[in-house]
């Protein structure tokens, strides 16, 4: 199975980050969300808080 890493930072656009994750997972790919912020919780421009699967330092 292919593995995809979705890198996320504070201020991301909801649709630009979450739609690809949803579509790829529905397609059967393993998607790992990665925070490049140094902390697991990443906040979008609209205030949606997402807990990343892994920190960049540990990916």
PDB file of N, CA and C in Angstrom:
ATOM      1  N   UNK A   1       0.837  -1.176   0.000  1.00  0.00           N
ATOM      2  CA  UNK A   1       0.000   0.000   0.000  1.00  0.00           C
ATOM      3  C   UNK A   1       0.885   1.244   0.000  1.00  0.00           C
ATOM      4  N   UNK A   2       0.525   2.218  -0.811  1.00  0.00           N
ATOM      5  CA  UNK A   2       1.271   3.477  -0.870  1.00  0.00           C
ATOM      6  C   UNK A   2       1.002   4.301   0.384  1.00  0.00           C
ATOM      7  N   UNK A   3       1.991   5.082   0.768  1.00  0.00           N
ATOM      8  CA  UNK A   3       1.852   5.950   1.934  1.00  0.00           C
ATOM      9  C   UNK A   3       2.072   7.397   1.482  1.00  0.00           C
ATOM     10  N   UNK A   4       1.182   8.272   1.929  1.00  0.00           N
ATOM     11  CA  UNK A   4       1.248   9.691   1.582  1.00  0.00           C
ATOM     12  C   UNK A   4       1.395  10.493   2.867  1.00  0.00           C
ATOM     13  N   UNK A   5       2.292  11.478   2.842  1.00  0.00           N
ATOM     14  CA  UNK A   5       2.467  12.379   3.979  1.00  0.00           C
ATOM     15  C   UNK A   5       1.873  13.735   3.632  1.00  0.00           C
ATOM     16  N   UNK A   6       0.945  14.213   4.462  1.00  0.00           N
ATOM     17  CA  UNK A   6       0.320  15.527   4.291  1.00  0.00           C
ATOM     18  C   UNK A   6       0.920  16.451   5.342  1.00  0.00           C
ATOM     19  N   UNK A   7       1.748  17.402   4.898  1.00  0.00           N
ATOM     20  CA  UNK A   7       2.384  18.337   5.818  1.00  0.00           C
ATOM     21  C   UNK A   7       1.425  19.486   6.112  1.00  0.00           C
ATOM     22  N   UNK A   8       1.335  19.851   7.402  1.00  0.00           N
ATOM     23  CA  UNK A   8       0.389  20.883   7.817  1.00  0.00           C
ATOM     24  C   UNK A   8       1.071  21.901   8.722  1.00  0.00           C
ATOM     25  N   UNK A   9       0.671  23.168   8.550  1.00  0.00           N
ATOM     26  CA  UNK A   9       1.178  24.250   9.383  1.00  0.00           C
ATOM     27  C   UNK A   9       0.006  25.125   9.798  1.00  0.00           C
ATOM     28  N   UNK A  10       0.163  25.855  10.880  1.00  0.00           N
ATOM     29  CA  UNK A  10      -0.876  26.780  11.317  1.00  0.00           C
ATOM     30  C   UNK A  10      -1.219  27.734  10.175  1.00  0.00           C
ATOM     31  N   UNK A  11      -2.510  27.999  10.014  1.00  0.00           N
ATOM     32  CA  UNK A  11      -2.979  28.903   8.965  1.00  0.00           C
ATOM     33  C   UNK A  11      -3.319  28.197   7.666  1.00  0.00           C
ATOM     34  N   UNK A  12      -3.343  26.851   7.679  1.00  0.00           N
ATOM     35  CA  UNK A  12      -3.682  26.131   6.456  1.00  0.00           C
ATOM     36  C   UNK A  12      -5.137  26.378   6.077  1.00  0.00           C
ATOM     37  N   UNK A  13      -5.419  26.266   4.798  1.00  0.00           N
ATOM     38  CA  UNK A  13      -6.796  26.385   4.307  1.00  0.00           C
ATOM     39  C   UNK A  13      -7.468  25.025   4.479  1.00  0.00           C
ATOM     40  N   UNK A  14      -8.626  25.022   5.100  1.00  0.00           N
ATOM     41  CA  UNK A  14      -9.331  23.774   5.412  1.00  0.00           C
ATOM     42  C   UNK A  14      -9.470  22.861   4.191  1.00  0.00           C
ATOM     43  N   UNK A  15     -10.036  23.385   3.122  1.00  0.00           N
ATOM     44  CA  UNK A  15     -10.326  22.558   1.956  1.00  0.00           C
ATOM     45  C   UNK A  15      -9.052  22.067   1.276  1.00  0.00           C
ATOM     46  N   UNK A  16      -8.012  22.885   1.279  1.00  0.00           N
ATOM     47  CA  UNK A  16      -6.768  22.509   0.609  1.00  0.00           C
ATOM     48  C   UNK A  16      -6.026  21.395   1.340  1.00  0.00           C
ATOM     49  N   UNK A  17      -6.198  21.304   2.636  1.00  0.00           N
ATOM     50  CA  UNK A  17      -5.497  20.276   3.408  1.00  0.00           C
ATOM     51  C   UNK A  17      -6.361  19.042   3.654  1.00  0.00           C
ATOM     52  N   UNK A  18      -7.619  19.251   3.978  1.00  0.00           N
ATOM     53  CA  UNK A  18      -8.444  18.125   4.409  1.00  0.00           C
ATOM     54  C   UNK A  18      -9.112  17.367   3.262  1.00  0.00           C
ATOM     55  N   UNK A  19      -9.438  18.048   2.179  1.00  0.00           N
ATOM     56  CA  UNK A  19     -10.062  17.354   1.043  1.00  0.00           C
ATOM     57  C   UNK A  19      -9.119  16.303   0.447  1.00  0.00           C
ATOM     58  N   UNK A  20      -7.837  16.635   0.195  1.00  0.00           N
ATOM     59  CA  UNK A  20      -6.949  15.587  -0.334  1.00  0.00           C
ATOM     60  C   UNK A  20      -6.796  14.400   0.619  1.00  0.00           C
ATOM     61  N   UNK A  21      -6.742  14.674   1.915  1.00  0.00           N
ATOM     62  CA  UNK A  21      -6.635  13.580   2.891  1.00  0.00           C
ATOM     63  C   UNK A  21      -7.860  12.672   2.768  1.00  0.00           C
ATOM     64  N   UNK A  22      -9.024  13.259   2.702  1.00  0.00           N
ATOM     65  CA  UNK A  22     -10.266  12.493   2.590  1.00  0.00           C
ATOM     66  C   UNK A  22     -10.302  11.675   1.307  1.00  0.00           C
ATOM     67  N   UNK A  23      -9.986  12.300   0.192  1.00  0.00           N
ATOM     68  CA  UNK A  23     -10.046  11.621  -1.102  1.00  0.00           C
ATOM     69  C   UNK A  23      -9.028  10.478  -1.172  1.00  0.00           C
ATOM     70  N   UNK A  24      -7.824  10.725  -0.712  1.00  0.00           N
ATOM     71  CA  UNK A  24      -6.793   9.687  -0.757  1.00  0.00           C
ATOM     72  C   UNK A  24      -7.131   8.507   0.151  1.00  0.00           C
ATOM     73  N   UNK A  25      -7.671   8.798   1.324  1.00  0.00           N
ATOM     74  CA  UNK A  25      -8.062   7.703   2.226  1.00  0.00           C
ATOM     75  C   UNK A  25      -9.204   6.886   1.638  1.00  0.00           C
ATOM     76  N   UNK A  26     -10.161   7.554   1.006  1.00  0.00           N
ATOM     77  CA  UNK A  26     -11.257   6.835   0.352  1.00  0.00           C
ATOM     78  C   UNK A  26     -10.738   5.958  -0.779  1.00  0.00           C
ATOM     79  N   UNK A  27      -9.639   6.397  -1.392  1.00  0.00           N
ATOM     80  CA  UNK A  27      -9.027   5.635  -2.474  1.00  0.00           C
ATOM     81  C   UNK A  27      -8.152   4.494  -1.990  1.00  0.00           C
ATOM     82  N   UNK A  28      -8.059   4.328  -0.672  1.00  0.00           N
ATOM     83  CA  UNK A  28      -7.327   3.195  -0.123  1.00  0.00           C
ATOM     84  C   UNK A  28      -5.872   3.457   0.198  1.00  0.00           C
ATOM     85  N   UNK A  29      -5.430   4.706   0.111  1.00  0.00           N
ATOM     86  CA  UNK A  29      -4.044   5.028   0.444  1.00  0.00           C
ATOM     87  C   UNK A  29      -3.915   5.334   1.934  1.00  0.00           C
ATOM     88  N   UNK A  30      -2.763   5.044   2.469  1.00  0.00           N
ATOM     89  CA  UNK A  30      -2.483   5.391   3.865  1.00  0.00           C
ATOM     90  C   UNK A  30      -1.981   6.837   3.886  1.00  0.00           C
ATOM     91  N   UNK A  31      -2.701   7.697   4.599  1.00  0.00           N
ATOM     92  CA  UNK A  31      -2.328   9.105   4.693  1.00  0.00           C
ATOM     93  C   UNK A  31      -1.909   9.412   6.122  1.00  0.00           C
ATOM     94  N   UNK A  32      -0.728  10.002   6.267  1.00  0.00           N
ATOM     95  CA  UNK A  32      -0.208  10.394   7.571  1.00  0.00           C
ATOM     96  C   UNK A  32      -0.125  11.914   7.585  1.00  0.00           C
ATOM     97  N   UNK A  33      -0.842  12.549   8.523  1.00  0.00           N
ATOM     98  CA  UNK A  33      -0.749  14.001   8.639  1.00  0.00           C
ATOM     99  C   UNK A  33       0.452  14.341   9.506  1.00  0.00           C
ATOM    100  N   UNK A  34       1.230  15.326   9.046  1.00  0.00           N
ATOM    101  CA  UNK A  34       2.486  15.690   9.694  1.00  0.00           C
ATOM    102  C   UNK A  34       2.453  17.169  10.059  1.00  0.00           C
ATOM    103  N   UNK A  35       2.649  17.471  11.325  1.00  0.00           N
ATOM    104  CA  UNK A  35       2.747  18.864  11.766  1.00  0.00           C
ATOM    105  C   UNK A  35       4.187  19.331  11.614  1.00  0.00           C
ATOM    106  N   UNK A  36       4.366  20.479  10.948  1.00  0.00           N
ATOM    107  CA  UNK A  36       5.699  21.059  10.835  1.00  0.00           C
ATOM    108  C   UNK A  36       5.882  22.187  11.844  1.00  0.00           C
ATOM    109  N   UNK A  37       4.955  22.271  12.811  1.00  0.00           N
ATOM    110  CA  UNK A  37       4.946  23.378  13.760  1.00  0.00           C
ATOM    111  C   UNK A  37       5.662  23.072  15.080  1.00  0.00           C
ATOM    112  N   UNK A  38       6.044  21.833  15.306  1.00  0.00           N
ATOM    113  CA  UNK A  38       6.687  21.494  16.568  1.00  0.00           C
ATOM    114  C   UNK A  38       5.705  21.091  17.652  1.00  0.00           C
ATOM    115  N   UNK A  39       4.413  21.106  17.321  1.00  0.00           N
ATOM    116  CA  UNK A  39       3.377  20.633  18.240  1.00  0.00           C
ATOM    117  C   UNK A  39       2.307  19.920  17.425  1.00  0.00           C
ATOM    118  N   UNK A  40       1.589  18.996  18.054  1.00  0.00           N
ATOM    119  CA  UNK A  40       0.643  18.145  17.328  1.00  0.00           C
ATOM    120  C   UNK A  40      -0.598  18.877  16.829  1.00  0.00           C
ATOM    121  N   UNK A  41      -1.076  19.872  17.572  1.00  0.00           N
ATOM    122  CA  UNK A  41      -2.289  20.567  17.176  1.00  0.00           C
ATOM    123  C   UNK A  41      -1.976  21.680  16.189  1.00  0.00           C
ATOM    124  N   UNK A  42      -2.634  21.619  15.043  1.00  0.00           N
ATOM    125  CA  UNK A  42      -2.441  22.604  13.977  1.00  0.00           C
ATOM    126  C   UNK A  42      -3.789  23.271  13.731  1.00  0.00           C
ATOM    127  N   UNK A  43      -3.799  24.595  13.613  1.00  0.00           N
ATOM    128  CA  UNK A  43      -5.047  25.351  13.479  1.00  0.00           C
ATOM    129  C   UNK A  43      -5.147  25.996  12.102  1.00  0.00           C
ATOM    130  N   UNK A  44      -6.319  25.835  11.483  1.00  0.00           N
ATOM    131  CA  UNK A  44      -6.553  26.402  10.156  1.00  0.00           C
ATOM    132  C   UNK A  44      -6.856  27.893  10.251  1.00  0.00           C
ATOM    133  N   UNK A  45      -6.994  28.530   9.091  1.00  0.00           N
ATOM    134  CA  UNK A  45      -7.336  29.952   9.056  1.00  0.00           C
ATOM    135  C   UNK A  45      -8.722  30.203   9.627  1.00  0.00           C
ATOM    136  N   UNK A  46      -9.578  29.182   9.605  1.00  0.00           N
ATOM    137  CA  UNK A  46     -10.943  29.322  10.118  1.00  0.00           C
ATOM    138  C   UNK A  46     -11.090  28.825  11.555  1.00  0.00           C
ATOM    139  N   UNK A  47      -9.976  28.503  12.204  1.00  0.00           N
ATOM    140  CA  UNK A  47     -10.017  28.092  13.597  1.00  0.00           C
ATOM    141  C   UNK A  47     -10.260  26.614  13.824  1.00  0.00           C
ATOM    142  N   UNK A  48     -10.248  25.805  12.765  1.00  0.00           N
ATOM    143  CA  UNK A  48     -10.415  24.363  12.909  1.00  0.00           C
ATOM    144  C   UNK A  48      -9.088  23.786  13.402  1.00  0.00           C
ATOM    145  N   UNK A  49      -9.142  23.068  14.507  1.00  0.00           N
ATOM    146  CA  UNK A  49      -7.934  22.515  15.110  1.00  0.00           C
ATOM    147  C   UNK A  49      -7.843  21.022  14.773  1.00  0.00           C
ATOM    148  N   UNK A  50      -6.728  20.643  14.179  1.00  0.00           N
ATOM    149  CA  UNK A  50      -6.499  19.260  13.760  1.00  0.00           C
ATOM    150  C   UNK A  50      -5.312  18.707  14.538  1.00  0.00           C
ATOM    151  N   UNK A  51      -5.452  17.485  15.041  1.00  0.00           N
ATOM    152  CA  UNK A  51      -4.325  16.824  15.692  1.00  0.00           C
ATOM    153  C   UNK A  51      -3.607  15.987  14.641  1.00  0.00           C
ATOM    154  N   UNK A  52      -2.365  16.346  14.358  1.00  0.00           N
ATOM    155  CA  UNK A  52      -1.580  15.625  13.365  1.00  0.00           C
ATOM    156  C   UNK A  52      -1.220  14.242  13.890  1.00  0.00           C
ATOM    157  N   UNK A  53      -1.007  13.328  12.976  1.00  0.00           N
ATOM    158  CA  UNK A  53      -0.627  11.970  13.354  1.00  0.00           C
ATOM    159  C   UNK A  53       0.791  11.920  13.918  1.00  0.00           C
ATOM    160  N   UNK A  54       1.664  12.798  13.412  1.00  0.00           N
ATOM    161  CA  UNK A  54       3.068  12.757  13.798  1.00  0.00           C
ATOM    162  C   UNK A  54       3.680  14.147  13.630  1.00  0.00           C
ATOM    163  N   UNK A  55       4.725  14.404  14.400  1.00  0.00           N
ATOM    164  CA  UNK A  55       5.507  15.631  14.237  1.00  0.00           C
ATOM    165  C   UNK A  55       6.549  15.410  13.140  1.00  0.00           C
ATOM    166  N   UNK A  56       6.915  16.475  12.449  1.00  0.00           N
ATOM    167  CA  UNK A  56       7.910  16.391  11.385  1.00  0.00           C
ATOM    168  C   UNK A  56       9.206  15.759  11.879  1.00  0.00           C
ATOM    169  N   UNK A  57       9.600  16.118  13.090  1.00  0.00           N
ATOM    170  CA  UNK A  57      10.845  15.609  13.655  1.00  0.00           C
ATOM    171  C   UNK A  57      10.843  14.094  13.820  1.00  0.00           C
ATOM    172  N   UNK A  58       9.651  13.497  13.914  1.00  0.00           N
ATOM    173  CA  UNK A  58       9.518  12.064  14.141  1.00  0.00           C
ATOM    174  C   UNK A  58       9.070  11.284  12.916  1.00  0.00           C
ATOM    175  N   UNK A  59       8.819  11.998  11.823  1.00  0.00           N
ATOM    176  CA  UNK A  59       8.280  11.332  10.616  1.00  0.00           C
ATOM    177  C   UNK A  59       9.343  10.552   9.887  1.00  0.00           C
TER     178      UNK A  59
END
